[in-house]
Structures are given as structure tokens and as C-alpha cells.
Amino acid sequence: MDACPLSGIRYAVNATLHDNEASFAFDEKCKEQGITVIHAVNLGKAAFLAVEKPKGYPFSEVVKKGSDDFRCSLGKYISQYGMFWQMPVPWIDEAIRHYSEESFPQLGIGAYIAAGYCANILANLAEGKEVKYFPKFYLSPLLEEI
């Protein structure tokens, strides 16, 4: 029997579109192997990152089966999280209204922001520094106040 291709890996990055079961199947396989997964999501002019522990709260809970587009579901999660902690995120509410009929744009700037955060989070994990674990997250918009 072949060895698991994930054997020996401590951290993985899930930068897929999160729009199908394959994306979350990858997460499940990582959980089984004890691998921490960083979810990097391009929100157009912003980036969202969540670090999922193998035995932690599952990132897949953001998506309600049979509901909105993944990014709209994620936007609603961000909005509700901000409201709960009394830190509203008005621009995400506007984006949800604007993109509820279509998907969030995939702009290069969101990808660059996500890549920079991803590199920083990976370095912090490798150095044993503290990071936020999901359900906490990183959110970095371009020229918007949080």
C-alpha cells in the first residue's frame, strides 16, 4: 500500500474556490493526518484567512448546505462575527448586498493580500509563534476600515 501523500506535512494551504466538495474533502484528509490547514480566500479587494486546527472547529461550518455562494456565506459569517464582538464590518455588508446575485470578483489584489498573509502565518506557525485559530480569522481589506 502506498504511503499517504500528506505524510510528514504539518501545514497545508487550501486556496481553492471552496465552491465544491473536493475543497472540503481536502480539509477532511488533512484532519485525518493531523495537519493544520490555512484557508486563504480572495474577496476581491480584500483577503480572508482562517487557520483550522486538526481537532478544532471546522471551517466548513461557514457554508450552509444548499445556500448562498461560498463567498456570500463567508461574508455573512464575517458580518455576524463583527456584530457579535461589537466590531461591525460595514463594507462586507455592502459587498454581500451587491454580490448576492452573483459571485464576489476574483481580483489580483485580493490574491496578493492573501498570499502575503499566508506567508506570514506559515512563518509564525513554523517559529512556534501564536496565531489566531478558527473561528477567529484574519481579514485585510484594501483601503477600508475594519
C-alpha atoms as a PDB file:
ATOM      1  CA  MET A   1       0.000   0.000   0.000  1.00  0.00           C
ATOM      2  CA  ASP A   2       1.280   3.455  -0.919  1.00  0.00           C
ATOM      3  CA  ALA A   3       2.133   5.916   1.838  1.00  0.00           C
ATOM      4  CA  CYS A   4      -0.241   8.830   2.259  1.00  0.00           C
ATOM      5  CA  PRO A   5       0.998  11.743   0.096  1.00  0.00           C
ATOM      6  CA  LEU A   6       0.351  14.034   3.074  1.00  0.00           C
ATOM      7  CA  SER A   7       2.588  12.034   5.399  1.00  0.00           C
ATOM      8  CA  GLY A   8       5.064  14.248   7.258  1.00  0.00           C
ATOM      9  CA  ILE A   9       3.312  17.511   6.373  1.00  0.00           C
ATOM     10  CA  ARG A  10       2.441  19.794   9.293  1.00  0.00           C
ATOM     11  CA  TYR A  11       0.724  22.671   7.474  1.00  0.00           C
ATOM     12  CA  ALA A  12      -1.298  22.945   4.268  1.00  0.00           C
ATOM     13  CA  VAL A  13      -2.897  25.855   2.438  1.00  0.00           C
ATOM     14  CA  ASN A  14      -6.367  25.470   0.979  1.00  0.00           C
ATOM     15  CA  ALA A  15      -6.557  28.269  -1.581  1.00  0.00           C
ATOM     16  CA  THR A  16      -9.272  26.645  -3.690  1.00  0.00           C
ATOM     17  CA  LEU A  17     -12.503  28.426  -4.536  1.00  0.00           C
ATOM     18  CA  HIS A  18     -14.269  26.459  -1.770  1.00  0.00           C
ATOM     19  CA  ASP A  19     -17.168  26.014  -4.167  1.00  0.00           C
ATOM     20  CA  ASN A  20     -17.325  22.231  -4.277  1.00  0.00           C
ATOM     21  CA  GLU A  21     -16.980  19.161  -2.098  1.00  0.00           C
ATOM     22  CA  ALA A  22     -13.381  18.488  -3.228  1.00  0.00           C
ATOM     23  CA  SER A  23     -12.165  21.544  -1.337  1.00  0.00           C
ATOM     24  CA  PHE A  24     -13.651  20.324   1.925  1.00  0.00           C
ATOM     25  CA  ALA A  25     -12.624  16.708   1.232  1.00  0.00           C
ATOM     26  CA  PHE A  26      -9.034  18.015   1.212  1.00  0.00           C
ATOM     27  CA  ASP A  27      -9.665  19.511   4.655  1.00  0.00           C
ATOM     28  CA  GLU A  28     -11.040  16.218   5.954  1.00  0.00           C
ATOM     29  CA  LYS A  29      -7.984  14.328   4.695  1.00  0.00           C
ATOM     30  CA  CYS A  30      -5.743  16.881   6.400  1.00  0.00           C
ATOM     31  CA  LYS A  31      -7.700  16.497   9.660  1.00  0.00           C
ATOM     32  CA  GLU A  32      -7.240  12.727   9.493  1.00  0.00           C
ATOM     33  CA  GLN A  33      -3.485  13.244   9.116  1.00  0.00           C
ATOM     34  CA  GLY A  34      -3.255  15.859  11.912  1.00  0.00           C
ATOM     35  CA  ILE A  35      -2.397  18.691   9.511  1.00  0.00           C
ATOM     36  CA  THR A  36      -3.232  22.315  10.269  1.00  0.00           C
ATOM     37  CA  VAL A  37      -4.959  23.957   7.271  1.00  0.00           C
ATOM     38  CA  ILE A  38      -4.777  27.623   6.351  1.00  0.00           C
ATOM     39  CA  HIS A  39      -7.793  28.757   4.330  1.00  0.00           C
ATOM     40  CA  ALA A  40      -6.964  31.687   2.062  1.00  0.00           C
ATOM     41  CA  VAL A  41      -9.948  33.356   0.394  1.00  0.00           C
ATOM     42  CA  ASN A  42      -9.811  36.124  -2.208  1.00  0.00           C
ATOM     43  CA  LEU A  43     -12.646  38.592  -1.608  1.00  0.00           C
ATOM     44  CA  GLY A  44     -11.774  40.907  -4.491  1.00  0.00           C
ATOM     45  CA  LYS A  45     -10.325  43.951  -2.732  1.00  0.00           C
ATOM     46  CA  ALA A  46      -9.801  42.008   0.483  1.00  0.00           C
ATOM     47  CA  ALA A  47      -8.444  38.736   1.807  1.00  0.00           C
ATOM     48  CA  PHE A  48      -9.786  36.393   4.473  1.00  0.00           C
ATOM     49  CA  LEU A  49      -7.631  33.780   6.170  1.00  0.00           C
ATOM     50  CA  ALA A  50      -8.566  31.177   8.748  1.00  0.00           C
ATOM     51  CA  VAL A  51      -6.269  28.668  10.419  1.00  0.00           C
ATOM     52  CA  GLU A  52      -8.034  25.379  11.172  1.00  0.00           C
ATOM     53  CA  LYS A  53      -6.609  23.029  13.793  1.00  0.00           C
ATOM     54  CA  PRO A  54      -6.956  19.317  13.005  1.00  0.00           C
ATOM     55  CA  LYS A  55      -9.216  18.859  16.034  1.00  0.00           C
ATOM     56  CA  GLY A  56     -10.627  22.367  16.027  1.00  0.00           C
ATOM     57  CA  TYR A  57     -13.842  23.963  14.868  1.00  0.00           C
ATOM     58  CA  PRO A  58     -14.333  23.034  11.191  1.00  0.00           C
ATOM     59  CA  PHE A  59     -14.072  25.817   8.625  1.00  0.00           C
ATOM     60  CA  SER A  60     -16.708  24.026   6.525  1.00  0.00           C
ATOM     61  CA  GLU A  61     -19.311  25.251   9.046  1.00  0.00           C
ATOM     62  CA  VAL A  62     -19.175  28.639   7.291  1.00  0.00           C
ATOM     63  CA  VAL A  63     -21.074  27.155   4.365  1.00  0.00           C
ATOM     64  CA  LYS A  64     -24.669  26.172   4.849  1.00  0.00           C
ATOM     65  CA  LYS A  65     -25.535  23.295   2.539  1.00  0.00           C
ATOM     66  CA  GLY A  66     -27.696  24.385  -0.364  1.00  0.00           C
ATOM     67  CA  SER A  67     -27.400  28.075   0.490  1.00  0.00           C
ATOM     68  CA  ASP A  68     -25.554  31.068  -0.907  1.00  0.00           C
ATOM     69  CA  ASP A  69     -22.409  31.272  -2.925  1.00  0.00           C
ATOM     70  CA  PHE A  70     -19.453  30.414  -0.661  1.00  0.00           C
ATOM     71  CA  ARG A  71     -18.148  33.989  -0.552  1.00  0.00           C
ATOM     72  CA  CYS A  72     -21.576  35.367   0.365  1.00  0.00           C
ATOM     73  CA  SER A  73     -21.830  32.752   3.145  1.00  0.00           C
ATOM     74  CA  LEU A  74     -18.355  33.757   4.288  1.00  0.00           C
ATOM     75  CA  GLY A  75     -19.319  37.433   4.131  1.00  0.00           C
ATOM     76  CA  LYS A  76     -22.337  36.741   6.340  1.00  0.00           C
ATOM     77  CA  TYR A  77     -20.080  34.876   8.789  1.00  0.00           C
ATOM     78  CA  ILE A  78     -17.689  37.848   8.911  1.00  0.00           C
ATOM     79  CA  SER A  79     -20.582  40.267   9.407  1.00  0.00           C
ATOM     80  CA  GLN A  80     -22.169  38.211  12.192  1.00  0.00           C
ATOM     81  CA  TYR A  81     -18.800  37.748  13.904  1.00  0.00           C
ATOM     82  CA  GLY A  82     -18.195  41.510  13.782  1.00  0.00           C
ATOM     83  CA  MET A  83     -21.643  42.271  15.144  1.00  0.00           C
ATOM     84  CA  PHE A  84     -21.245  39.735  17.959  1.00  0.00           C
ATOM     85  CA  TRP A  85     -17.959  41.303  19.051  1.00  0.00           C
ATOM     86  CA  GLN A  86     -19.339  44.832  18.502  1.00  0.00           C
ATOM     87  CA  MET A  87     -16.880  45.445  15.663  1.00  0.00           C
ATOM     88  CA  PRO A  88     -19.139  45.891  12.618  1.00  0.00           C
ATOM     89  CA  VAL A  89     -17.671  45.462   9.144  1.00  0.00           C
ATOM     90  CA  PRO A  90     -19.875  47.763   7.020  1.00  0.00           C
ATOM     91  CA  TRP A  91     -18.036  47.178   3.738  1.00  0.00           C
ATOM     92  CA  ILE A  92     -18.692  43.422   3.903  1.00  0.00           C
ATOM     93  CA  ASP A  93     -22.422  44.025   4.381  1.00  0.00           C
ATOM     94  CA  GLU A  94     -22.411  46.250   1.300  1.00  0.00           C
ATOM     95  CA  ALA A  95     -20.467  43.619  -0.657  1.00  0.00           C
ATOM     96  CA  ILE A  96     -22.975  40.922   0.336  1.00  0.00           C
ATOM     97  CA  ARG A  97     -25.856  43.108  -0.891  1.00  0.00           C
ATOM     98  CA  HIS A  98     -24.024  43.885  -4.116  1.00  0.00           C
ATOM     99  CA  TYR A  99     -22.897  40.330  -4.866  1.00  0.00           C
ATOM    100  CA  SER A 100     -25.883  38.371  -3.576  1.00  0.00           C
ATOM    101  CA  GLU A 101     -26.993  37.797  -7.175  1.00  0.00           C
ATOM    102  CA  GLU A 102     -23.505  36.969  -8.435  1.00  0.00           C
ATOM    103  CA  SER A 103     -20.157  35.916  -7.044  1.00  0.00           C
ATOM    104  CA  PHE A 104     -17.539  38.145  -5.444  1.00  0.00           C
ATOM    105  CA  PRO A 105     -14.971  39.217  -8.046  1.00  0.00           C
ATOM    106  CA  GLN A 106     -11.617  37.473  -8.079  1.00  0.00           C
ATOM    107  CA  LEU A 107      -9.252  40.428  -8.288  1.00  0.00           C
ATOM    108  CA  GLY A 108      -5.492  40.126  -8.240  1.00  0.00           C
ATOM    109  CA  ILE A 109      -5.180  42.427  -5.228  1.00  0.00           C
ATOM    110  CA  GLY A 110      -7.157  40.024  -3.027  1.00  0.00           C
ATOM    111  CA  ALA A 111      -4.876  37.184  -4.083  1.00  0.00           C
ATOM    112  CA  TYR A 112      -1.751  39.219  -3.297  1.00  0.00           C
ATOM    113  CA  ILE A 113      -3.053  40.203   0.133  1.00  0.00           C
ATOM    114  CA  ALA A 114      -3.973  36.566   0.869  1.00  0.00           C
ATOM    115  CA  ALA A 115      -0.554  35.327  -0.266  1.00  0.00           C
ATOM    116  CA  GLY A 116       1.245  37.815   1.980  1.00  0.00           C
ATOM    117  CA  TYR A 117      -0.838  36.866   4.996  1.00  0.00           C
ATOM    118  CA  CYS A 118      -0.388  33.179   4.209  1.00  0.00           C
ATOM    119  CA  ALA A 119       3.394  33.508   4.158  1.00  0.00           C
ATOM    120  CA  ASN A 120       3.294  35.398   7.464  1.00  0.00           C
ATOM    121  CA  ILE A 121       1.026  32.832   9.127  1.00  0.00           C
ATOM    122  CA  LEU A 122       3.174  29.926   7.885  1.00  0.00           C
ATOM    123  CA  ALA A 123       6.309  31.611   9.243  1.00  0.00           C
ATOM    124  CA  ASN A 124       4.626  32.191  12.614  1.00  0.00           C
ATOM    125  CA  LEU A 125       3.476  28.563  12.801  1.00  0.00           C
ATOM    126  CA  ALA A 126       6.941  27.281  11.865  1.00  0.00           C
ATOM    127  CA  GLU A 127       8.532  29.510  14.525  1.00  0.00           C
ATOM    128  CA  GLY A 128       6.026  28.435  17.170  1.00  0.00           C
ATOM    129  CA  LYS A 129       4.522  31.905  17.439  1.00  0.00           C
ATOM    130  CA  GLU A 130       0.876  32.384  18.297  1.00  0.00           C
ATOM    131  CA  VAL A 131      -1.695  32.623  15.521  1.00  0.00           C
ATOM    132  CA  LYS A 132      -5.480  33.034  15.509  1.00  0.00           C
ATOM    133  CA  TYR A 133      -7.324  29.745  15.081  1.00  0.00           C
ATOM    134  CA  PHE A 134     -10.770  29.445  13.530  1.00  0.00           C
ATOM    135  CA  PRO A 135     -13.446  30.583  14.409  1.00  0.00           C
ATOM    136  CA  LYS A 136     -11.169  33.646  14.768  1.00  0.00           C
ATOM    137  CA  PHE A 137      -9.731  34.843  11.480  1.00  0.00           C
ATOM    138  CA  TYR A 138      -7.637  37.384   9.633  1.00  0.00           C
ATOM    139  CA  LEU A 139      -9.367  39.927   7.403  1.00  0.00           C
ATOM    140  CA  SER A 140      -7.473  42.502   5.422  1.00  0.00           C
ATOM    141  CA  PRO A 141      -9.305  44.857   3.089  1.00  0.00           C
ATOM    142  CA  LEU A 142      -7.530  47.262   0.768  1.00  0.00           C
ATOM    143  CA  LEU A 143      -8.104  50.857   1.858  1.00  0.00           C
ATOM    144  CA  GLU A 144     -11.103  50.066   4.016  1.00  0.00           C
ATOM    145  CA  GLU A 145     -11.506  50.487   7.717  1.00  0.00           C
ATOM    146  CA  ILE A 146     -12.398  47.454   9.788  1.00  0.00           C
END
